[in-house]
Protein backbone atom coordinates (compact mmCIF):
# COMPACT_ATOMS: atom_id res chain seq x y z
CA MET A 1 107.71 99.66 79.55
CA ASN A 2 108.10 98.75 76.32
CA CYS A 3 106.22 100.36 73.05
CA ARG A 4 103.24 97.34 72.50
CA ILE A 5 102.31 97.78 76.51
CA SER A 6 102.50 101.33 76.36
CA VAL A 7 100.01 101.82 73.55
CA PHE A 8 97.52 98.99 75.04
CA LEU A 9 97.43 101.02 77.96
CA LEU A 10 96.79 104.50 76.82
CA SER A 11 94.11 102.82 74.83
CA ILE A 12 92.05 101.51 77.95
CA ILE A 13 92.75 104.78 79.72
CA ALA A 14 90.83 106.47 76.44
CA ALA A 15 88.24 104.24 76.73
CA SER A 16 88.03 104.54 79.98
CA PHE A 17 87.19 108.55 79.45
CA VAL A 18 85.15 108.04 76.55
CA LEU A 19 82.41 104.96 77.82
CA THR A 20 79.05 106.36 78.49
CA PRO A 21 78.02 105.64 82.56
CA ARG A 22 75.76 102.86 80.95
CA ALA A 23 78.97 101.14 78.56
CA GLN A 24 80.99 100.83 81.69
CA ALA A 25 78.50 98.90 83.53
CA GLN A 26 78.44 96.57 80.73
CA SER A 27 82.37 95.90 81.41
CA THR A 28 80.68 93.54 84.30
CA PRO A 29 77.25 91.40 83.54
CA PRO A 30 74.57 94.23 84.77
CA PRO A 31 72.18 93.08 86.57
CA THR A 32 68.04 93.15 85.53
CA PRO A 33 66.52 95.05 86.49
CA ALA A 34 69.19 98.04 86.00
CA ASP A 35 68.69 98.32 90.34
CA SER A 36 68.89 94.69 91.41
CA THR A 37 71.52 93.05 93.11
CA LEU A 38 71.00 89.90 91.52
CA ASP A 39 72.73 89.18 88.11
CA ASP A 40 70.72 86.25 85.82
CA THR A 41 72.74 86.69 82.92
CA MET A 42 75.30 84.27 81.60
CA SER A 43 77.29 83.56 78.35
CA ALA A 44 80.49 82.01 77.35
CA SER A 45 82.23 85.54 76.93
CA GLU A 46 80.29 86.48 80.19
CA ALA A 47 78.94 89.66 77.89
CA ASP A 48 75.58 90.87 77.33
CA ALA A 49 73.95 90.39 73.68
CA PRO A 50 73.96 93.89 71.70
CA SER A 51 69.63 94.71 70.91
CA SER A 52 70.35 96.08 67.31
CA ARG A 53 72.22 95.58 64.14
CA LYS A 54 74.64 98.04 63.94
CA LEU A 55 78.19 99.55 65.81
CA VAL A 56 76.67 99.50 69.47
CA LYS A 57 79.79 101.02 70.61
CA TRP A 58 82.59 101.41 69.22
CA ASN A 59 84.30 97.65 70.29
CA GLU A 60 80.85 95.73 69.78
CA TYR A 61 79.05 95.15 66.48
CA ASP A 62 76.04 93.35 66.10
CA GLY A 63 74.96 91.37 63.06
CA LYS A 64 72.25 89.68 61.43
CA TYR A 65 74.29 86.02 61.98
CA ALA A 66 76.52 86.83 65.03
CA SER A 67 77.17 89.44 67.52
CA ILE A 68 81.15 90.43 68.18
CA ARG A 69 82.46 92.62 71.50
CA PHE A 70 86.33 92.90 71.53
CA GLY A 71 87.74 93.13 74.80
CA GLY A 72 90.95 93.17 76.85
CA GLY A 73 92.96 93.81 80.40
CA LEU A 74 95.82 94.73 81.61
CA LEU A 75 97.55 94.30 85.06
CA LEU A 76 100.63 95.97 86.35
CA GLU A 77 101.90 95.30 89.88
CA PHE A 78 104.67 96.39 92.66
CA ASN A 79 105.59 94.27 95.29
CA ALA A 80 108.17 94.93 97.83
CA TYR A 81 109.24 92.88 100.87
CA ALA A 82 110.24 93.60 104.12
CA GLN A 83 112.21 90.32 106.14
CA ASN A 84 113.08 89.40 109.74
CA ASP A 85 116.55 87.63 109.49
CA GLU A 86 114.86 83.99 109.68
CA SER A 87 112.46 85.03 106.45
CA LYS A 88 116.06 85.47 104.56
CA GLN A 89 117.43 82.73 105.86
CA GLN A 90 114.29 80.67 103.85
CA PHE A 91 114.05 82.93 101.05
CA GLU A 92 116.00 86.34 99.96
CA MET A 93 113.18 89.08 98.36
CA HIS A 94 113.68 92.05 96.23
CA PRO A 95 111.03 94.88 95.06
CA GLN A 96 109.81 94.29 91.58
CA GLU A 97 107.77 95.57 89.30
CA LYS A 98 105.78 93.21 86.60
CA LEU A 99 103.19 93.03 83.64
CA ARG A 100 101.20 90.65 85.06
CA ASP A 101 98.44 90.14 82.42
CA HIS A 102 98.07 91.51 78.80
CA ARG A 103 95.03 89.73 77.40
CA ILE A 104 92.66 90.38 74.39
CA LEU A 105 89.29 89.01 74.33
CA ILE A 106 86.97 88.48 71.99
CA GLY A 107 82.79 86.68 72.01
CA GLY A 108 79.52 87.08 71.39
CA LYS A 109 76.23 85.48 70.27
CA LEU A 110 75.73 83.10 67.54
CA LYS A 111 72.36 83.04 65.67
CA PHE A 112 71.92 80.91 63.16
CA PHE A 113 71.06 77.89 65.98
CA LYS A 114 67.43 77.54 66.98
CA ARG A 115 68.86 77.42 70.73
CA PRO A 116 71.17 80.69 72.39
CA VAL A 117 74.67 79.56 72.30
CA THR A 118 77.65 82.20 72.61
CA TYR A 119 81.13 82.55 72.06
CA GLN A 120 84.46 83.65 73.62
CA PHE A 121 87.88 83.14 72.96
CA GLY A 122 90.61 84.65 74.93
CA TYR A 123 94.49 85.57 74.43
CA MET A 124 96.87 86.00 77.38
CA TYR A 125 100.16 87.52 77.41
CA ASP A 126 101.46 85.28 80.92
CA GLY A 127 103.91 87.60 82.97
CA ALA A 128 105.47 84.70 84.83
CA LEU A 129 106.54 82.63 81.25
CA GLU A 130 106.64 85.96 78.98
CA VAL A 131 104.35 83.72 76.66
CA TRP A 132 101.15 83.58 74.90
CA ARG A 133 98.69 81.33 75.89
CA VAL A 134 95.21 80.62 75.02
CA ARG A 135 93.21 81.46 77.71
CA GLN A 136 89.33 80.94 78.30
CA SER A 137 87.78 79.90 75.36
CA GLY A 138 84.86 77.95 73.99
CA LEU A 139 81.22 77.58 73.05
CA MET A 140 78.29 77.61 75.74
CA VAL A 141 74.71 76.56 74.57
CA ASP A 142 71.73 76.92 76.63
CA VAL A 143 69.95 73.75 77.48
CA PRO A 144 66.76 74.26 79.15
CA GLU A 145 66.29 70.76 79.51
CA ILE A 146 68.57 70.05 81.39
CA LEU A 147 67.78 73.34 83.74
CA GLY A 148 70.83 75.34 82.48
CA SER A 149 74.12 75.48 79.97
CA LEU A 150 76.63 73.59 78.12
CA PHE A 151 79.97 74.72 78.32
CA ILE A 152 82.66 73.26 76.01
CA GLY A 153 86.06 74.43 75.50
CA ARG A 154 88.55 75.32 77.64
CA THR A 155 87.20 76.70 80.76
CA LYS A 156 87.81 77.08 84.82
CA GLU A 157 87.01 73.45 86.58
CA GLY A 158 84.14 74.79 88.73
CA PHE A 159 85.72 74.01 91.98
CA SER A 160 85.59 77.21 94.62
CA LEU A 161 83.34 80.38 94.40
CA ASN A 162 86.53 82.55 94.31
CA LYS A 163 88.28 80.21 92.10
CA VAL A 164 85.45 80.69 89.40
CA MET A 165 84.79 84.22 89.52
CA VAL A 166 86.55 86.47 86.59
CA GLY A 167 90.16 87.17 88.36
CA TYR A 168 89.77 91.18 87.50
CA ALA A 169 86.49 90.92 89.56
CA GLY A 170 87.96 89.55 93.07
CA TRP A 171 88.39 91.75 96.33
CA GLY A 172 91.57 90.29 96.62
CA MET A 173 94.59 91.30 94.55
CA GLU A 174 95.49 87.40 94.75
CA ARG A 175 93.79 84.08 95.74
CA MET A 176 94.23 82.21 98.78
CA THR A 177 97.76 80.32 98.73
CA MET A 178 95.82 76.81 98.90
CA ASN A 179 93.07 77.62 96.53
CA ASP A 180 96.59 78.31 93.97
CA ALA A 181 98.39 75.22 95.62
CA MET A 182 95.62 72.91 94.70
CA ILE A 183 93.45 73.93 91.31
CA PRO A 184 94.87 74.66 87.63
CA ILE A 185 93.92 77.62 86.59
CA LEU A 186 92.08 76.26 83.77
CA ALA A 187 90.85 72.80 81.75
CA ASP A 188 90.08 71.48 78.55
CA GLY A 189 86.67 69.60 78.55
CA VAL A 190 82.60 69.63 79.35
CA LYS A 191 80.75 71.67 82.06
CA TRP A 192 76.70 71.75 83.06
CA LEU A 193 76.17 74.80 84.83
CA GLY A 194 72.41 74.12 85.86
CA HIS A 195 70.45 76.02 88.42
CA ASP A 196 66.77 75.58 90.03
CA LYS A 197 64.90 78.71 90.93
CA LYS A 198 62.37 77.21 92.84
CA HIS A 199 64.63 75.70 95.05
CA HIS A 200 67.50 78.25 95.37
CA MET A 201 69.80 75.81 93.70
CA ILE A 202 72.81 76.25 91.72
CA TRP A 203 74.70 73.29 90.95
CA ASN A 204 77.94 72.26 88.65
CA LEU A 205 79.83 69.25 86.91
CA GLY A 206 82.60 68.77 84.39
CA PHE A 207 84.61 66.58 83.06
CA TYR A 208 88.07 66.92 81.49
CA LYS A 209 91.26 65.56 79.66
CA ASP A 210 94.31 67.27 78.93
CA TRP A 211 94.70 65.89 75.25
CA MET A 212 94.73 69.03 74.02
CA SER A 213 96.53 71.03 76.76
CA GLN A 214 99.59 68.85 77.76
CA LYS A 215 102.34 71.82 76.87
CA GLU A 216 100.57 74.23 78.89
CA SER A 217 101.63 75.12 82.57
CA PHE A 218 98.29 74.60 84.09
CA SER A 219 97.70 70.95 82.50
CA THR A 220 99.43 69.28 85.46
CA TYR A 221 96.50 66.62 85.61
CA ASP A 222 95.43 63.94 82.84
CA HIS A 223 92.03 63.94 84.09
CA GLN A 224 89.63 65.19 86.50
CA VAL A 225 86.17 65.06 87.72
CA VAL A 226 84.81 68.64 89.00
CA GLY A 227 81.43 69.34 90.86
CA ARG A 228 79.82 72.13 92.84
CA ILE A 229 76.51 72.73 94.72
CA ALA A 230 75.15 76.20 96.79
CA TRP A 231 72.25 76.33 98.02
CA LEU A 232 70.79 80.03 98.79
CA PRO A 233 68.31 80.11 101.67
CA LYS A 234 68.39 83.74 101.06
CA MET A 235 68.24 85.47 98.28
CA ALA A 236 66.09 89.14 98.30
CA ASP A 237 66.42 92.34 96.13
CA ALA A 238 64.43 93.70 98.80
CA ASP A 239 67.11 94.11 101.69
CA LYS A 240 70.30 93.23 99.03
CA THR A 241 71.09 90.10 100.94
CA VAL A 242 72.48 86.75 99.85
CA LEU A 243 73.44 84.01 102.20
CA HIS A 244 75.54 81.11 99.56
CA ILE A 245 76.21 77.78 101.37
CA GLY A 246 78.29 75.72 99.19
CA MET A 247 80.46 72.87 98.55
CA SER A 248 82.62 71.54 95.32
CA ALA A 249 84.28 67.81 95.27
CA ARG A 250 87.22 66.86 93.29
CA TYR A 251 88.31 63.59 91.68
CA GLY A 252 91.83 64.39 89.60
CA VAL A 253 94.62 61.67 88.19
CA PRO A 254 97.93 63.63 88.38
CA LYS A 255 100.37 64.02 84.55
CA ASP A 256 102.62 60.99 84.89
CA HIS A 257 101.24 59.98 88.15
CA ARG A 258 103.19 62.90 89.33
CA ILE A 259 102.68 66.25 91.40
CA GLN A 260 103.94 68.73 92.78
CA PRO A 261 101.41 71.33 95.22
CA ARG A 262 103.05 74.32 95.70
CA SER A 263 102.26 78.59 95.74
CA ARG A 264 103.33 81.95 96.36
CA PRO A 265 102.62 84.11 99.19
CA GLU A 266 100.06 86.06 97.58
CA SER A 267 102.51 87.54 95.57
CA PHE A 268 103.36 87.05 92.35
CA THR A 269 106.63 88.46 92.31
CA ALA A 270 107.88 86.55 95.15
CA PRO A 271 109.26 82.47 94.79
CA TYR A 272 107.06 79.85 95.80
CA PHE A 273 106.54 79.81 99.84
CA LEU A 274 104.87 76.30 99.62
CA ASP A 275 106.45 73.18 97.54
CA THR A 276 106.13 69.55 98.22
CA GLY A 277 108.81 69.31 95.74
CA LYS A 278 107.02 66.25 92.75
CA PHE A 279 106.20 63.17 94.09
CA ASP A 280 104.59 60.08 92.66
CA ALA A 281 100.91 60.12 92.96
CA ASP A 282 97.42 57.55 92.06
CA ASN A 283 94.84 60.12 92.58
CA THR A 284 93.74 63.23 94.70
CA LYS A 285 90.26 63.72 96.23
CA MET A 286 89.57 67.47 97.30
CA LEU A 287 86.47 68.78 99.55
CA GLY A 288 85.59 72.37 99.46
CA PRO A 289 83.76 74.23 101.56
CA GLU A 290 81.94 77.60 101.34
CA VAL A 291 80.00 80.02 102.66
CA TYR A 292 79.30 83.61 101.73
CA TYR A 293 76.49 86.51 103.32
CA ARG A 294 76.05 89.78 101.74
CA PRO A 295 74.24 92.36 103.75
CA GLY A 296 73.99 95.53 101.60
CA SER A 297 77.25 96.68 100.79
CA LEU A 298 78.96 94.14 103.41
CA LEU A 299 80.05 90.71 102.07
CA ILE A 300 82.04 87.94 104.67
CA GLY A 301 82.95 84.66 103.08
CA SER A 302 85.33 82.11 103.61
CA GLU A 303 86.04 78.42 102.04
CA TYR A 304 88.24 75.74 103.11
CA PHE A 305 89.61 72.69 101.06
CA PHE A 306 90.70 69.35 102.26
CA GLN A 307 92.78 67.15 99.93
CA LYS A 308 93.83 63.23 100.66
CA VAL A 309 96.65 61.96 97.75
CA ASP A 310 96.61 58.69 96.95
CA ALA A 311 100.81 58.20 97.32
CA PRO A 312 101.35 55.09 99.30
CA LEU A 313 105.47 56.09 98.87
CA SER A 314 105.20 59.39 100.94
CA GLY A 315 102.53 58.20 103.31
CA ASP A 316 99.23 59.11 101.33
CA PRO A 317 99.70 62.62 102.70
CA PHE A 318 97.07 64.91 103.32
CA PHE A 319 96.74 68.78 102.88
CA HIS A 320 94.42 71.45 104.11
CA GLY A 321 93.86 74.89 103.92
CA GLY A 322 91.30 78.22 103.83
CA ASP A 323 90.51 81.85 104.35
CA VAL A 324 87.95 84.18 105.97
CA PHE A 325 87.62 87.60 104.50
CA VAL A 326 85.22 90.64 105.18
CA SER A 327 84.56 93.45 102.29
CA TRP A 328 83.01 96.43 102.72
CA LEU A 329 82.18 99.25 100.30
CA PRO A 330 81.38 102.92 102.84
CA THR A 331 80.49 104.60 98.81
CA GLY A 332 77.24 102.89 99.05
CA GLU A 333 77.69 100.03 96.28
CA VAL A 334 76.64 96.23 96.16
CA ARG A 335 78.34 93.01 94.29
CA THR A 336 76.06 91.98 92.38
CA TYR A 337 75.36 88.17 92.95
CA ASN A 338 75.29 86.03 89.85
CA THR A 339 72.12 83.56 90.19
CA ARG A 340 73.08 81.46 87.26
CA GLY A 341 77.09 80.76 87.91
CA GLY A 342 76.82 80.87 91.63
CA TYR A 343 79.87 83.66 92.33
CA PHE A 344 79.85 87.67 92.59
CA ASN A 345 80.67 90.28 89.93
CA GLY A 346 83.02 92.82 89.90
CA ILE A 347 82.27 96.44 91.31
CA VAL A 348 81.12 99.52 89.02
CA PRO A 349 80.93 102.51 90.83
CA THR A 350 77.57 104.50 91.34
CA ARG A 351 79.96 107.85 89.31
CA SER A 352 82.78 107.15 88.07
CA ILE A 353 85.93 109.91 88.52
CA PHE A 354 85.18 110.29 84.95
CA SER A 355 82.16 111.44 85.07
CA GLY A 356 82.44 113.82 88.66
CA GLY A 357 82.32 111.20 90.88
CA LYS A 358 84.08 109.77 93.70
CA GLY A 359 84.31 106.03 91.99
CA ALA A 360 84.07 103.21 94.77
CA TRP A 361 85.93 102.28 97.57
CA GLU A 362 86.54 99.01 98.90
CA LEU A 363 88.31 98.19 102.65
CA VAL A 364 89.60 94.60 102.24
CA GLY A 365 90.76 91.88 105.32
CA ARG A 366 91.60 88.58 104.58
CA PHE A 367 93.38 85.78 106.99
CA SER A 368 94.52 82.75 104.90
CA TYR A 369 96.39 79.39 105.72
CA THR A 370 97.73 76.52 104.25
CA ASP A 371 99.45 73.47 106.09
CA LEU A 372 101.38 71.19 103.33
CA ASP A 373 103.19 69.20 105.56
CA GLY A 374 101.26 65.95 105.53
CA GLY A 375 102.46 62.37 105.15
CA THR A 376 106.81 62.30 104.66
CA LEU A 377 106.48 65.17 102.68
CA ARG A 378 107.56 68.99 104.53
CA GLY A 379 105.97 71.40 101.86
CA GLY A 380 105.69 74.03 104.55
CA LYS A 381 102.85 76.06 106.68
CA PHE A 382 101.87 79.35 105.79
CA TRP A 383 99.63 82.16 107.22
CA ARG A 384 98.93 85.49 106.45
CA ILE A 385 96.70 88.60 107.51
CA THR A 386 96.13 91.14 104.52
CA PRO A 387 94.27 94.83 105.01
CA MET A 388 93.94 96.13 101.79
CA VAL A 389 91.82 99.14 100.23
CA ASN A 390 90.36 98.26 96.59
CA TRP A 391 89.77 102.15 94.50
CA HIS A 392 87.25 101.58 91.35
CA MET A 393 87.82 104.26 89.89
CA SER A 394 85.44 103.46 87.22
CA GLY A 395 83.97 99.91 85.98
CA ASN A 396 87.15 99.63 83.98
CA VAL A 397 89.90 101.29 86.28
CA ARG A 398 90.89 99.90 89.71
CA LEU A 399 93.79 100.73 91.89
CA GLU A 400 94.90 98.12 94.79
CA MET A 401 97.15 98.86 97.32
CA VAL A 402 98.03 96.20 100.07
CA TYR A 403 99.95 95.65 103.01
CA GLY A 404 100.42 91.74 104.11
CA TYR A 405 102.17 90.21 107.07
CA GLY A 406 102.99 86.41 106.72
CA SER A 407 104.60 83.54 108.63
CA LEU A 408 105.91 80.06 107.11
CA ASP A 409 106.98 77.24 109.08
CA ARG A 410 109.42 75.65 106.57
CA PHE A 411 113.13 74.37 106.51
CA ASN A 412 113.15 74.02 110.43
CA VAL A 413 112.90 77.85 110.25
CA THR A 414 109.60 80.37 111.05
CA GLY A 415 110.24 83.07 108.99
CA GLY A 416 108.04 86.70 109.21
CA THR A 417 107.47 88.81 106.04
CA GLN A 418 105.83 91.94 105.43
CA PHE A 419 104.33 92.33 101.95
CA PHE A 420 104.00 95.91 100.03
CA GLN A 421 102.17 95.67 97.05
CA THR A 422 100.21 97.51 94.26
CA ARG A 423 98.37 97.21 91.45
CA ILE A 424 96.72 99.07 88.37
CA GLN A 425 94.14 97.27 86.27
CA PHE A 426 92.74 98.00 83.04
CA GLN A 427 89.83 96.64 81.89
CA LEU A 428 87.26 96.78 78.56
């Protein structure tokens, strides 16, 4: 591990020890009131606004005209594989450790506007490409006249609850294969985030164009329109229950009218198991139903994507895939639900190991499936079952221990692979 990574790693470990329990909770937007399982906060930086004009924490300052908060994160991973003979015919893989993600975040409030305005700037080291990239960055303006807020800048499109969530907050080590194959990680444009408390409705609508991001790896579309709406027939703090039923829709025109759906097998160091290769396409249309149910410390959810590609030369292929999962926190914590963004926050232990507690333990099981065989294309079919354990040592430090078994049907062979994965996660 080089010197830069070591210094950053040590600084986050040190911060985890010195932060008070209250400050640790602020690493994930806390609900209001403190014991609520529903979170009604939202800003461009997903951070709380300080309450006084002073240095309220070592990494946060509140001034007369603006507040500023410095944050960051780091992911270190190790992946190993056990393959049968058929799997080795498809791909040969070897154990590997990798710096997955190293990012710096700056965000806060701008107080010289008449209405609430927050900002964020994200700068990330991309472990896959080994380059620094600008990530989620922009301004969010509260506009109660349209029942919500406007985000202007680089952000997530808004398709899929699991994709909208902060990556560091997810229950799984990776998103499902279909999610990564179909949805770019970011896009540049304008997004309207709305919510109607009276009718328990949440929605977002975004318009995106790649005129500023043409050289970015995520820029696979020239322009796209993305919408998502969710209904919450059950949302009560009294019994800590949330029922979320949603639907996403997307229309996009691929960059240079060429597209290449592909995905790794939910392992960052593995090759692309699923890959259609590049082909001509005029546009893509997608739908994505989603259902999540959270009765207390248990969370059950499922999403499924359907994509139709207007590509006459390739037989107008149709792709689909999704997942179903269950997460349980035997230590009693509850994932808070953001009632303005329509997603779940990360876990903050009742008592971290740095204050004498045992942290929070999370048991997760997931099944995912993706079919990229469509029209004349044979991108492959892949399913994977993944049991895993997450140890949230504090709101800043997390250890993930993962086993998975996956089956790939591609190249006229069906191969089986066992996955052994660990990740240590630090964040401020």
